[in-house]
């Protein structure tokens, strides 16, 4: 069998509490430029919030995934 839909094929789905959602925030231009220079904005912000003990991170959360 080649291609097509197969049972148990593809990526495993993450639990609902680990899925990423889109949000909109307003930031000053200078802040946006500095964050963009460090990488993808969403991942940089997520990494900083998780690593700085700002939030209680679930035990099954893998930072950077």
Protein backbone atom coordinates (compact mmCIF):
# COMPACT_ATOMS: atom_id res chain seq x y z
CA UNK A 1 0.00 0.00 0.00
CA UNK A 2 1.35 3.43 -0.89
CA UNK A 3 0.12 6.77 0.35
CA UNK A 4 -3.41 7.49 1.28
CA UNK A 5 -5.14 7.23 4.60
CA UNK A 6 -3.99 4.41 6.87
CA UNK A 7 -4.92 3.39 10.38
CA UNK A 8 -2.56 4.81 13.04
CA UNK A 9 -0.66 6.83 10.43
CA UNK A 10 0.42 10.39 11.04
CA UNK A 11 1.31 12.46 14.06
CA UNK A 12 -0.24 11.67 17.41
CA UNK A 13 -2.63 14.38 18.65
CA UNK A 14 -1.67 16.37 21.72
CA UNK A 15 -4.01 16.57 24.71
CA UNK A 16 -6.29 19.62 24.70
CA UNK A 17 -4.38 21.39 27.47
CA UNK A 18 -1.14 21.23 25.43
CA UNK A 19 -2.51 22.49 22.11
CA UNK A 20 -1.35 25.91 20.96
CA UNK A 21 -3.94 28.63 20.34
CA UNK A 22 -3.60 31.88 18.44
CA UNK A 23 -3.94 35.13 20.40
CA UNK A 24 -3.42 38.74 19.42
CA UNK A 25 -1.38 41.15 21.51
CA UNK A 26 -0.23 44.70 20.99
CA UNK A 27 3.43 45.41 21.61
CA UNK A 28 5.63 48.43 20.91
CA UNK A 29 7.57 48.26 17.63
CA UNK A 30 10.97 48.23 19.36
CA UNK A 31 9.90 45.19 21.39
CA UNK A 32 8.66 43.33 18.31
CA UNK A 33 11.92 43.94 16.45
CA UNK A 34 14.01 42.62 19.33
CA UNK A 35 11.85 39.51 19.74
CA UNK A 36 11.98 38.81 15.98
CA UNK A 37 15.79 39.00 16.11
CA UNK A 38 15.80 36.23 18.72
CA UNK A 39 13.58 33.87 16.68
CA UNK A 40 9.95 33.09 15.99
CA UNK A 41 7.88 35.47 18.15
CA UNK A 42 5.43 32.87 19.48
CA UNK A 43 8.14 30.41 20.48
CA UNK A 44 10.34 33.09 22.07
CA UNK A 45 7.47 34.40 24.22
CA UNK A 46 6.33 30.88 25.12
CA UNK A 47 9.87 29.89 26.10
CA UNK A 48 10.38 32.99 28.24
CA UNK A 49 7.08 32.58 30.09
CA UNK A 50 7.72 28.88 30.78
CA UNK A 51 11.36 29.29 31.86
CA UNK A 52 10.98 32.31 34.12
CA UNK A 53 8.54 30.61 36.53
CA UNK A 54 5.92 33.16 35.52
CA UNK A 55 3.42 30.34 34.95
CA UNK A 56 2.79 26.93 36.52
CA UNK A 57 3.83 24.61 33.69
CA UNK A 58 2.08 21.18 33.51
CA UNK A 59 4.33 18.19 34.19
CA UNK A 60 3.72 16.73 30.72
CA UNK A 61 4.62 19.97 28.91
CA UNK A 62 7.82 19.83 26.86
CA UNK A 63 9.24 23.34 26.48
CA UNK A 64 9.89 24.12 22.83
CA UNK A 65 7.60 21.47 21.39
